[in-house]
Amino acid sequence: MSYTALYRKFRPDNFRDVKGQDHIVTTLTNQIKANRIGHAYLFCGTRGTGKTTVAKILAKAVNCQNPKDGSPCNECEMCKAIQAGTSMNVIEIDAASNNGVDNIREIREEVAYRPTEGNYKVYIIDEVHMLSTGAFNALLKTLEEPPSYVIFILATTEAHKIPITILSRCQRYDFHRITIDTIAARLDELLKAEGVEAEEKAVRYVAKAGDGSMRDALSLLDQCIAFYLGQKLTYDKVLDVLGAVDTEVFSRLLRKVLKGDVTGAIHVLEELIVGGRELTQFVGDFTWYMRNLLLVKTSENPEEAIDVSSENLKLLKEESEMTDVDTLMRYIRIFSDLSNQIRYATQKRVLVEIALIKLCRPAMETNLDSVLDRIRVLEQKIEERPVQQVIVKESKSASADQAEPAAEERKPQMAAPEDLQKIVASWKMIVGQTSGVFKQMLQKAVPKYNSETGAPVLFIEFQDFLGQAYIDNPEAKQELLDIIEAQTGKTVEIQMLMADQHSHMNLSRITVDEAIRENIHMDVIIEDEPHPES
């Protein structure tokens, strides 16, 4: 006897065995019990969610001689004939290959004849959205006023393609994607029935790979069992069959990317390719991995938001602290774009390598999220780089006119005004109230004053080239003035400039006297850190 695929062998034959569609099963069984059966049904939903299965069960139930709680008994002659596909009462039509007006005209002629046995003639039209406009128009009149003994069940994966005139004449039922837990539980049942031993982790991965489709999950399970026939089905074996990648590899790859290690990231990709992993699957899984990281980073209860083991959740929490939301969103955007391109590409490896280089080198892009990622990389380098003492040596040039001036900062001629000292004493608090990139620029900026005139003008010297965008920005200046006034009660003039734009001025750092510190009733944080030259 020939082998029967799992999804056919274990196809439900009553409503009780239908998984994940309780809202539809309950409604249909209640209709059958109360004898309130409609004349036209429209079953919508993604592939493998049970549309055709439920249609066949409904066809049996309305013709069953001894229904049990709204389900067919599967023992009477009518149930057996419909199950075997020999009943003249149930007609299945594939609209993908029978989509013309003539096919629908045949149905219109056939419905005039009563069923020779049973109660109803049931027409199951699969992929009904494939019917031509003429065929829909031909079906319209029959669908509107069918004989009392005729039931139409239309099934489709694309309900938006069906004319509204057809939709309005049907009871519509939307089949949901089946949850991973429901699919995994069903797979466990079938594995026990088949006598196959499998790890729970392996079963859950197959359920997840099914992407909400019970049929897809059963087909993948069938494939895994056949490859390792007679052996225990482990997580690693499932990964081998499906060409998938373990979470540990994603973790290793992400750490390389965050460090900007292009060579390391390409080596990880090389290992995957040599191991026979499928790149399209890898792109989708890595995108999903970063999506989980983003949810862990932003969700208050990540345990409820994502479906992973406690071990993986702990690892995700650890890695989510290594990066920020903007960077993760940039990574997801790049790989989402890649998933659309790689499907039909001939050079898949090249596309994946370019995407990884983009992740490691944000300077390759010019949009806002890449700029923020570049700032993150620069800050990381500044934190990791040890403090270097700069030793300025006298030029050995014979000519005194060509001798370079010493790099030591000259002693200020006049102390900074008291107002400026108070502002600098609470500078950390003032900057902390700003937001976005402006805040990051101010954290690196150095507040200074003109040591020759002693005028109460606060010069803000940006050290990063991105600060150029705020020099002539009146909104940014006003935001800072408002915060300073609210924080210190002082109103000062502000001038923002780049570090290399004040050669004609004698600007010096503002130091805070002890008297000023004592008079300010707030915590003042003074950090000893190297500062750029004035």
Protein backbone atom coordinates (compact mmCIF):
# COMPACT_ATOMS: atom_id res chain seq x y z
CA MET A 1 0.00 0.00 0.00
CA SER A 2 1.31 3.46 -0.90
CA TYR A 3 2.35 5.89 1.85
CA THR A 4 -0.14 8.63 2.82
CA ALA A 5 1.22 12.02 3.82
CA LEU A 6 0.62 13.03 7.43
CA TYR A 7 -1.60 15.99 6.56
CA ARG A 8 -3.90 13.66 4.56
CA LYS A 9 -3.70 10.71 6.96
CA PHE A 10 -4.67 12.80 10.00
CA ARG A 11 -7.12 15.20 8.33
CA PRO A 12 -10.00 15.77 10.83
CA ASP A 13 -13.25 14.00 9.97
CA ASN A 14 -15.41 15.72 12.62
CA PHE A 15 -15.65 19.17 14.15
CA ARG A 16 -14.08 18.06 17.45
CA ASP A 17 -10.72 17.39 15.80
CA VAL A 18 -10.48 20.79 14.10
CA LYS A 19 -7.80 22.79 15.93
CA GLY A 20 -7.50 26.54 16.35
CA GLN A 21 -10.86 27.51 14.77
CA ASP A 22 -13.21 27.23 17.75
CA HIS A 23 -15.15 30.38 16.78
CA ILE A 24 -16.16 28.78 13.46
CA VAL A 25 -16.73 25.23 14.73
CA THR A 26 -19.05 26.43 17.52
CA THR A 27 -21.13 28.54 15.13
CA LEU A 28 -21.54 25.76 12.54
CA THR A 29 -22.43 23.05 15.08
CA ASN A 30 -25.04 25.35 16.65
CA GLN A 31 -26.56 26.00 13.22
CA ILE A 32 -26.79 22.27 12.48
CA LYS A 33 -28.33 21.50 15.89
CA ALA A 34 -30.94 24.25 15.46
CA ASN A 35 -31.49 23.43 11.77
CA ARG A 36 -30.57 27.02 10.82
CA ILE A 37 -28.27 26.05 7.95
CA GLY A 38 -27.39 28.85 5.50
CA HIS A 39 -27.47 28.51 1.74
CA ALA A 40 -24.03 30.09 1.07
CA TYR A 41 -20.83 30.19 3.12
CA LEU A 42 -17.54 31.97 2.41
CA PHE A 43 -14.46 30.52 4.15
CA CYS A 44 -11.49 32.95 4.13
CA GLY A 45 -8.01 32.56 5.52
CA THR A 46 -4.39 31.71 4.83
CA ARG A 47 -3.32 28.31 3.53
CA GLY A 48 -3.46 25.23 5.73
CA THR A 49 -5.84 26.62 8.35
CA GLY A 50 -8.68 24.15 7.68
CA LYS A 51 -11.01 25.80 5.13
CA THR A 52 -11.49 22.77 2.86
CA THR A 53 -11.47 20.36 5.81
CA VAL A 54 -14.28 22.23 7.58
CA ALA A 55 -16.20 22.46 4.28
CA LYS A 56 -16.10 18.66 3.89
CA ILE A 57 -17.11 18.09 7.52
CA LEU A 58 -20.02 20.50 7.07
CA ALA A 59 -21.07 18.68 3.88
CA LYS A 60 -21.11 15.40 5.82
CA ALA A 61 -22.87 16.90 8.83
CA VAL A 62 -25.83 18.30 6.83
CA ASN A 63 -26.32 14.94 5.08
CA CYS A 64 -25.55 12.66 8.05
CA GLN A 65 -28.36 10.31 9.06
CA ASN A 66 -27.27 10.22 12.73
CA PRO A 67 -25.45 13.49 13.60
CA LYS A 68 -23.85 13.72 17.05
CA ASP A 69 -23.76 17.19 18.67
CA GLY A 70 -23.71 18.82 15.25
CA SER A 71 -20.86 16.60 13.97
CA PRO A 72 -21.18 13.75 11.43
CA CYS A 73 -21.25 10.21 12.83
CA ASN A 74 -18.82 8.92 10.13
CA GLU A 75 -20.61 5.55 10.33
CA CYS A 76 -23.76 5.92 8.17
CA GLU A 77 -23.77 5.24 4.43
CA MET A 78 -23.88 8.95 3.52
CA CYS A 79 -20.86 9.81 5.71
CA LYS A 80 -18.83 6.91 4.30
CA ALA A 81 -19.71 7.83 0.69
CA ILE A 82 -18.77 11.50 1.18
CA GLN A 83 -15.57 10.53 3.01
CA ALA A 84 -14.61 8.22 0.13
CA GLY A 85 -15.46 10.87 -2.46
CA THR A 86 -18.09 8.74 -4.22
CA SER A 87 -21.19 10.66 -3.18
CA MET A 88 -23.07 12.58 -5.89
CA ASN A 89 -24.28 15.02 -3.23
CA VAL A 90 -20.92 16.72 -2.68
CA ILE A 91 -19.29 18.33 -5.71
CA GLU A 92 -15.79 19.83 -5.32
CA ILE A 93 -14.70 22.37 -7.94
CA ASP A 94 -11.25 23.91 -8.31
CA ALA A 95 -11.91 27.45 -9.52
CA ALA A 96 -8.25 27.88 -10.49
CA SER A 97 -8.73 25.49 -13.45
CA ASN A 98 -12.52 25.75 -13.89
CA ASN A 99 -12.97 29.50 -13.87
CA GLY A 100 -15.00 30.15 -17.01
CA VAL A 101 -18.65 31.04 -17.59
CA ASP A 102 -19.36 27.59 -19.06
CA ASN A 103 -18.26 25.86 -15.84
CA ILE A 104 -20.69 27.95 -13.79
CA ARG A 105 -23.49 27.36 -16.32
CA GLU A 106 -23.09 23.62 -15.74
CA ILE A 107 -23.61 24.20 -12.02
CA ARG A 108 -26.75 26.26 -12.73
CA GLU A 109 -28.16 23.40 -14.78
CA GLU A 110 -27.28 20.76 -12.18
CA VAL A 111 -28.88 22.52 -9.20
CA ALA A 112 -32.29 22.05 -10.79
CA TYR A 113 -32.14 18.33 -9.87
CA ARG A 114 -32.79 17.19 -6.32
CA PRO A 115 -30.29 14.87 -4.58
CA THR A 116 -31.09 11.18 -5.09
CA GLU A 117 -30.15 10.48 -1.46
CA GLY A 118 -29.46 12.62 1.56
CA ASN A 119 -30.76 16.09 2.36
CA TYR A 120 -28.50 18.55 0.54
CA LYS A 121 -26.40 19.02 -2.56
CA VAL A 122 -23.21 20.76 -1.46
CA TYR A 123 -20.96 22.62 -3.92
CA ILE A 124 -17.44 23.31 -2.57
CA ILE A 125 -15.71 25.86 -4.82
CA ASP A 126 -12.04 26.17 -3.83
CA GLU A 127 -9.93 29.26 -4.69
CA VAL A 128 -13.13 31.00 -5.74
CA HIS A 129 -11.31 34.32 -6.25
CA MET A 130 -9.87 32.83 -9.47
CA LEU A 131 -13.26 32.93 -11.21
CA SER A 132 -13.53 35.34 -14.12
CA THR A 133 -15.85 38.36 -13.98
CA GLY A 134 -18.30 36.61 -16.31
CA ALA A 135 -18.28 33.49 -14.13
CA PHE A 136 -19.02 35.56 -10.99
CA ASN A 137 -21.95 37.20 -12.77
CA ALA A 138 -23.24 33.80 -13.87
CA LEU A 139 -22.99 32.52 -10.28
CA LEU A 140 -24.71 35.57 -8.82
CA LYS A 141 -28.36 34.68 -9.57
CA THR A 142 -27.99 31.07 -8.45
CA LEU A 143 -26.21 32.17 -5.27
CA GLU A 144 -28.96 34.69 -4.50
CA GLU A 145 -31.93 32.32 -4.83
CA PRO A 146 -30.70 28.73 -4.77
CA PRO A 147 -33.09 25.79 -4.29
CA SER A 148 -33.69 24.83 -0.66
CA TYR A 149 -31.66 21.65 -1.04
CA VAL A 150 -28.46 23.36 -2.32
CA ILE A 151 -25.58 24.73 -0.21
CA PHE A 152 -22.62 26.65 -1.64
CA ILE A 153 -19.31 26.70 0.26
CA LEU A 154 -16.78 29.10 -1.28
CA ALA A 155 -13.18 28.92 -0.06
CA THR A 156 -10.48 31.52 -0.76
CA THR A 157 -7.16 32.84 0.46
CA GLU A 158 -7.79 36.29 -1.07
CA ALA A 159 -11.24 37.52 -0.10
CA HIS A 160 -10.50 41.06 -1.32
CA LYS A 161 -10.65 39.80 -4.92
CA ILE A 162 -14.25 38.63 -4.62
CA PRO A 163 -16.97 41.06 -5.84
CA ILE A 164 -19.01 42.71 -3.11
CA THR A 165 -22.20 41.37 -4.72
CA ILE A 166 -20.99 37.83 -3.95
CA LEU A 167 -19.76 38.70 -0.47
CA SER A 168 -23.11 40.19 0.54
CA ARG A 169 -24.91 36.92 -0.26
CA CYS A 170 -22.66 34.69 1.89
CA GLN A 171 -22.06 34.06 5.55
CA ARG A 172 -18.38 34.93 5.92
CA TYR A 173 -16.07 33.00 8.25
CA ASP A 174 -12.44 34.08 8.70
CA PHE A 175 -10.04 31.28 9.59
CA HIS A 176 -7.29 32.48 11.91
CA ARG A 177 -3.62 31.54 11.77
CA ILE A 178 -3.14 28.70 14.23
CA THR A 179 -0.96 29.43 17.26
CA ILE A 180 2.39 27.71 17.82
CA ASP A 181 1.10 26.07 21.02
CA THR A 182 -1.93 24.59 19.22
CA ILE A 183 0.16 23.27 16.32
CA ALA A 184 2.82 21.84 18.68
CA ALA A 185 0.16 20.04 20.74
CA ARG A 186 -1.34 18.52 17.57
CA LEU A 187 2.10 17.43 16.33
CA ASP A 188 2.75 15.73 19.67
CA GLU A 189 -0.47 13.74 19.28
CA LEU A 190 0.41 12.62 15.77
CA LEU A 191 4.00 11.71 16.70
CA LYS A 192 2.71 9.45 19.50
CA ALA A 193 0.24 7.87 17.07
CA GLU A 194 3.09 7.26 14.60
CA GLY A 195 5.41 5.96 17.33
CA VAL A 196 8.08 8.58 16.66
CA GLU A 197 10.14 9.99 19.53
CA ALA A 198 10.95 13.72 19.33
CA GLU A 199 12.35 16.48 21.52
CA GLU A 200 9.90 19.17 22.63
CA LYS A 201 12.24 21.87 21.30
CA ALA A 202 12.29 20.20 17.88
CA VAL A 203 8.50 19.97 17.75
CA ARG A 204 8.08 23.62 18.69
CA TYR A 205 10.52 24.69 15.99
CA VAL A 206 8.56 22.76 13.36
CA ALA A 207 5.36 24.36 14.70
CA LYS A 208 6.92 27.81 14.42
CA ALA A 209 8.21 27.08 10.89
CA GLY A 210 4.62 26.24 9.90
CA ASP A 211 3.85 29.96 10.23
CA GLY A 212 0.27 29.48 11.43
CA SER A 213 -0.51 26.72 8.91
CA MET A 214 -1.25 23.23 10.27
CA ARG A 215 -0.76 21.66 6.85
CA ASP A 216 2.66 23.31 6.36
CA ALA A 217 3.77 22.15 9.81
CA LEU A 218 2.67 18.57 9.09
CA SER A 219 4.47 18.57 5.74
CA LEU A 220 7.69 19.79 7.41
CA LEU A 221 7.34 17.17 10.14
CA ASP A 222 6.81 14.50 7.50
CA GLN A 223 10.02 15.63 5.81
CA CYS A 224 12.02 15.52 9.06
CA ILE A 225 10.73 12.05 10.00
CA ALA A 226 11.56 10.68 6.54
CA PHE A 227 15.11 12.05 6.65
CA TYR A 228 15.86 10.50 10.06
CA LEU A 229 13.64 7.43 9.71
CA GLY A 230 13.68 5.27 12.83
CA GLN A 231 15.70 7.81 14.84
CA LYS A 232 14.76 10.23 17.59
CA LEU A 233 13.92 13.64 16.14
CA THR A 234 16.18 16.21 17.80
CA TYR A 235 16.37 19.98 17.49
CA ASP A 236 19.69 19.83 15.61
CA LYS A 237 18.30 17.29 13.14
CA VAL A 238 15.30 19.54 12.43
CA LEU A 239 17.65 22.44 11.76
CA ASP A 240 19.65 20.28 9.35
CA VAL A 241 16.59 19.19 7.37
CA LEU A 242 14.97 22.62 7.17
CA GLY A 243 18.23 24.45 6.42
CA ALA A 244 17.60 26.63 9.44
CA VAL A 245 20.08 28.26 11.83
CA ASP A 246 20.40 27.85 15.58
CA THR A 247 19.76 30.86 17.82
CA GLU A 248 23.34 30.68 19.12
CA VAL A 249 24.62 31.56 15.64
CA PHE A 250 22.33 34.62 15.51
CA SER A 251 23.70 35.72 18.87
CA ARG A 252 27.28 35.37 17.65
CA LEU A 253 26.53 37.21 14.41
CA LEU A 254 24.78 40.10 16.19
CA ARG A 255 27.74 40.63 18.52
CA LYS A 256 30.08 40.82 15.50
CA VAL A 257 27.78 43.39 13.87
CA LEU A 258 27.55 45.54 17.01
CA LYS A 259 31.36 45.64 17.16
CA GLY A 260 31.50 46.65 13.49
CA ASP A 261 33.53 43.52 12.74
CA VAL A 262 32.87 43.02 9.02
CA THR A 263 35.40 40.18 8.66
CA GLY A 264 33.95 38.30 11.64
CA ALA A 265 30.36 38.67 10.37
CA ILE A 266 31.35 37.39 6.89
CA HIS A 267 33.11 34.41 8.49
CA VAL A 268 29.94 33.50 10.41
CA LEU A 269 27.98 33.70 7.14
CA GLU A 270 30.62 31.51 5.46
CA GLU A 271 30.13 28.84 8.15
CA LEU A 272 26.38 28.85 7.52
CA ILE A 273 26.81 28.50 3.76
CA VAL A 274 29.35 25.67 4.10
CA GLY A 275 26.95 23.97 6.52
CA GLY A 276 24.28 23.97 3.80
CA ARG A 277 21.96 26.54 5.38
CA GLU A 278 19.38 28.14 3.10
CA LEU A 279 19.99 31.90 2.86
CA THR A 280 16.36 32.92 2.36
CA GLN A 281 15.44 31.02 5.54
CA PHE A 282 18.42 32.59 7.34
CA VAL A 283 17.34 36.15 6.42
CA GLY A 284 13.79 35.53 7.67
CA ASP A 285 14.95 33.89 10.91
CA PHE A 286 17.54 36.60 11.68
CA THR A 287 14.90 39.29 11.10
CA TRP A 288 12.61 37.44 13.51
CA TYR A 289 15.48 37.20 16.03
CA MET A 290 16.03 40.97 15.92
CA ARG A 291 12.26 41.49 16.21
CA ASN A 292 12.36 39.48 19.46
CA LEU A 293 15.26 41.63 20.70
CA LEU A 294 13.24 44.77 19.95
CA LEU A 295 10.24 43.44 21.88
CA VAL A 296 12.45 42.53 24.84
CA LYS A 297 13.91 46.05 24.71
CA THR A 298 10.55 47.86 24.56
CA SER A 299 8.01 45.56 26.22
CA GLU A 300 7.21 45.70 29.92
CA ASN A 301 6.42 41.96 29.95
CA PRO A 302 8.61 40.35 27.25
CA GLU A 303 7.65 36.87 28.51
CA GLU A 304 4.13 37.43 27.18
CA ALA A 305 5.19 39.22 23.99
CA ILE A 306 7.49 36.55 22.53
CA ASP A 307 7.41 32.77 22.41
CA VAL A 308 10.88 31.56 23.47
CA SER A 309 12.30 29.37 26.21
CA SER A 310 13.49 30.87 29.51
CA GLU A 311 17.13 30.24 28.49
CA ASN A 312 16.74 32.10 25.20
CA LEU A 313 14.83 34.90 26.92
CA LYS A 314 17.71 35.40 29.35
CA LEU A 315 20.15 35.61 26.42
CA LEU A 316 17.88 38.06 24.59
CA LYS A 317 17.66 40.31 27.64
CA GLU A 318 21.45 40.33 27.91
CA GLU A 319 21.90 41.26 24.25
CA SER A 320 19.13 43.86 24.29
CA GLU A 321 21.27 45.87 26.74
CA MET A 322 24.11 46.01 24.19
CA THR A 323 22.20 48.17 21.72
CA ASP A 324 19.37 50.69 21.44
CA VAL A 325 15.94 50.75 19.81
CA ASP A 326 16.95 52.95 16.86
CA THR A 327 19.83 50.65 15.93
CA LEU A 328 17.62 47.53 16.08
CA MET A 329 14.97 49.20 13.94
CA ARG A 330 17.64 50.05 11.37
CA TYR A 331 18.87 46.44 11.32
CA ILE A 332 15.30 45.14 10.88
CA ARG A 333 14.65 47.63 8.06
CA ILE A 334 17.75 46.53 6.15
CA PHE A 335 16.95 42.82 6.50
CA SER A 336 13.26 43.33 5.69
CA ASP A 337 14.30 45.02 2.44
CA LEU A 338 16.71 42.14 1.85
CA SER A 339 13.98 39.50 2.31
CA ASN A 340 12.03 41.10 -0.55
CA GLN A 341 15.08 41.18 -2.85
CA ILE A 342 16.59 37.77 -2.11
CA ARG A 343 13.55 35.71 -3.03
CA TYR A 344 14.19 35.93 -6.77
CA ALA A 345 17.89 36.85 -6.74
CA THR A 346 20.55 34.69 -8.41
CA GLN A 347 23.43 36.02 -6.25
CA LYS A 348 21.85 35.58 -2.82
CA ARG A 349 25.16 35.39 -0.97
CA VAL A 350 26.32 38.74 -2.36
CA LEU A 351 23.08 40.44 -1.25
CA VAL A 352 23.40 39.02 2.28
CA GLU A 353 27.05 40.11 2.51
CA ILE A 354 26.16 43.65 1.41
CA ALA A 355 23.41 43.79 4.03
CA LEU A 356 25.83 42.66 6.77
CA ILE A 357 28.37 45.29 5.69
CA LYS A 358 25.60 47.93 5.90
CA LEU A 359 24.87 46.81 9.46
CA CYS A 360 28.55 47.04 10.41
CA ARG A 361 29.20 50.31 8.54
CA PRO A 362 26.34 52.78 9.15
CA ALA A 363 28.34 55.47 7.30
CA MET A 364 27.28 53.76 4.05
CA GLU A 365 23.76 55.15 4.54
CA THR A 366 22.60 58.75 4.97
CA ASN A 367 19.17 58.43 6.59
CA LEU A 368 18.46 59.37 10.23
CA ASP A 369 18.60 55.91 11.83
CA SER A 370 22.02 55.25 10.27
CA VAL A 371 23.27 58.62 11.63
CA LEU A 372 22.12 57.60 15.11
CA ASP A 373 23.92 54.28 14.70
CA ARG A 374 27.09 56.12 13.67
CA ILE A 375 26.82 58.20 16.85
CA ARG A 376 26.47 54.98 18.86
CA VAL A 377 29.61 53.55 17.25
CA LEU A 378 31.58 56.75 17.92
CA GLU A 379 30.51 56.82 21.57
CA GLN A 380 31.48 53.17 21.94
CA LYS A 381 34.93 53.87 20.52
CA ILE A 382 35.39 56.85 22.85
CA GLU A 383 34.48 54.72 25.87
CA GLU A 384 36.78 51.86 24.88
CA ARG A 385 39.79 53.98 23.87
CA PRO A 386 42.25 54.60 26.77
CA VAL A 387 43.04 58.17 27.70
CA GLN A 388 46.03 59.33 25.73
CA GLN A 389 48.36 62.00 26.99
CA VAL A 390 49.26 64.40 24.19
CA ILE A 391 52.88 65.61 24.42
CA VAL A 392 53.59 68.69 22.38
CA LYS A 393 57.20 68.96 21.32
CA GLU A 394 58.99 72.06 20.16
CA SER A 395 59.57 72.26 16.47
CA LYS A 396 63.13 71.61 15.34
CA SER A 397 62.84 74.18 12.60
CA ALA A 398 65.78 76.63 12.44
CA SER A 399 63.54 79.59 11.74
CA ALA A 400 61.76 81.09 14.74
CA ASP A 401 59.07 82.49 12.44
CA GLN A 402 58.08 78.98 11.40
CA ALA A 403 57.98 77.59 14.94
CA GLU A 404 54.54 76.26 15.91
CA PRO A 405 52.94 77.69 19.07
CA ALA A 406 52.73 75.43 22.11
CA ALA A 407 49.47 73.54 22.50
CA GLU A 408 49.17 74.39 26.20
CA GLU A 409 46.13 76.42 27.08
CA ARG A 410 46.99 79.92 28.26
CA LYS A 411 45.86 80.96 31.70
CA PRO A 412 42.64 83.01 31.48
CA GLN A 413 43.09 86.73 32.08
CA MET A 414 39.72 87.08 33.88
CA ALA A 415 37.59 84.60 35.81
CA ALA A 416 34.27 83.51 34.33
CA PRO A 417 31.19 85.52 35.42
CA GLU A 418 29.28 84.08 38.34
CA ASP A 419 26.16 83.42 36.22
CA LEU A 420 28.15 81.26 33.81
CA GLN A 421 29.74 79.37 36.69
CA LYS A 422 26.30 78.54 38.09
CA ILE A 423 25.16 77.31 34.69
CA VAL A 424 28.21 75.09 34.27
CA ALA A 425 27.83 73.73 37.81
CA SER A 426 24.44 72.32 36.79
CA TRP A 427 25.40 71.61 33.16
CA LYS A 428 24.74 67.86 33.40
CA MET A 429 21.21 68.48 34.66
CA ILE A 430 20.54 71.08 31.97
CA VAL A 431 21.74 68.80 29.16
CA GLY A 432 19.74 65.89 30.58
CA GLN A 433 16.49 67.79 29.92
CA THR A 434 17.18 68.12 26.18
CA SER A 435 16.37 65.28 23.76
CA GLY A 436 17.47 63.34 20.69
CA VAL A 437 20.64 64.05 18.76
CA PHE A 438 20.82 67.59 20.25
CA LYS A 439 21.26 66.03 23.68
CA GLN A 440 24.05 63.76 22.42
CA MET A 441 25.85 66.71 20.86
CA LEU A 442 25.57 68.78 24.06
CA GLN A 443 26.94 65.91 26.15
CA LYS A 444 30.16 66.12 24.13
CA ALA A 445 30.17 69.94 23.86
CA VAL A 446 32.36 72.17 26.07
CA PRO A 447 30.86 75.35 27.66
CA LYS A 448 33.35 78.28 27.45
CA TYR A 449 33.62 82.07 27.87
CA ASN A 450 35.76 84.91 26.51
CA SER A 451 38.56 85.23 29.06
CA GLU A 452 39.69 88.61 27.68
CA THR A 453 36.42 90.54 27.97
CA GLY A 454 34.80 88.51 30.76
CA ALA A 455 31.40 89.17 29.11
CA PRO A 456 28.47 87.00 30.32
CA VAL A 457 28.19 85.15 27.01
CA LEU A 458 28.02 81.35 27.09
CA PHE A 459 29.93 79.85 24.15
CA ILE A 460 29.00 76.22 23.45
CA GLU A 461 31.81 74.52 21.55
CA PHE A 462 30.64 71.41 19.64
CA GLN A 463 33.26 68.68 19.27
CA ASP A 464 31.31 66.48 16.80
CA PHE A 465 30.77 67.52 13.17
CA LEU A 466 27.05 66.74 13.55
CA GLY A 467 26.80 69.73 15.88
CA GLN A 468 27.04 71.99 12.81
CA ALA A 469 23.30 71.44 12.28
CA TYR A 470 22.48 73.28 15.55
CA ILE A 471 24.70 76.35 15.21
CA ASP A 472 22.15 78.36 13.22
CA ASN A 473 19.09 76.61 14.65
CA PRO A 474 17.01 79.18 16.62
CA GLU A 475 14.68 76.49 17.99
CA ALA A 476 17.55 74.53 19.53
CA LYS A 477 19.02 77.71 21.03
CA GLN A 478 15.65 78.75 22.50
CA GLU A 479 15.11 75.26 23.95
CA LEU A 480 18.45 75.49 25.76
CA LEU A 481 17.77 79.06 26.99
CA ASP A 482 14.40 78.00 28.44
CA ILE A 483 15.95 75.03 30.27
CA ILE A 484 18.80 77.19 31.68
CA GLU A 485 16.35 79.81 32.95
CA ALA A 486 14.10 77.18 34.54
CA GLN A 487 17.05 75.36 36.13
CA THR A 488 19.20 78.25 37.37
CA GLY A 489 16.98 81.33 37.13
CA LYS A 490 19.63 82.99 34.92
CA THR A 491 19.23 84.50 31.47
CA VAL A 492 22.37 84.63 29.36
CA GLU A 493 23.35 85.09 25.75
CA ILE A 494 24.31 81.87 23.97
CA GLN A 495 26.59 81.39 20.98
CA MET A 496 27.03 77.91 19.49
CA LEU A 497 30.10 77.19 17.37
CA MET A 498 32.35 74.38 16.19
CA ALA A 499 35.69 73.65 17.87
CA ASP A 500 37.65 74.91 14.86
CA GLN A 501 35.67 78.14 14.30
CA HIS A 502 36.97 80.51 16.96
CA SER A 503 40.64 81.07 16.17
CA HIS A 504 40.10 84.84 16.50
CA MET A 505 38.61 84.52 20.02
CA ASN A 506 40.33 83.80 23.30
CA LEU A 507 37.87 81.24 24.73
CA SER A 508 38.58 79.34 27.92
CA ARG A 509 36.88 76.63 29.92
CA ILE A 510 34.62 77.75 32.74
CA THR A 511 35.75 76.62 36.20
CA VAL A 512 33.40 76.59 39.17
CA ASP A 513 34.48 78.28 42.42
CA GLU A 514 33.80 76.61 45.76
CA ALA A 515 31.60 79.53 46.79
CA ILE A 516 29.38 78.95 43.78
CA ARG A 517 29.06 75.24 44.58
CA GLU A 518 28.04 75.96 48.16
CA ASN A 519 25.36 78.44 47.09
CA ILE A 520 23.69 76.11 44.57
CA HIS A 521 21.10 73.97 46.36
CA MET A 522 21.33 70.91 44.15
CA ASP A 523 23.60 67.94 43.60
CA VAL A 524 26.53 68.93 41.42
CA ILE A 525 28.36 66.11 39.64
CA ILE A 526 31.91 66.99 38.69
CA GLU A 527 33.66 64.37 36.55
CA ASP A 528 37.36 64.27 35.90
CA GLU A 529 37.74 63.51 32.22
CA PRO A 530 40.05 64.58 29.41
CA HIS A 531 38.81 67.56 27.44
CA PRO A 532 39.75 68.75 23.97
CA GLU A 533 41.97 71.76 23.59
CA SER A 534 40.35 75.17 23.58
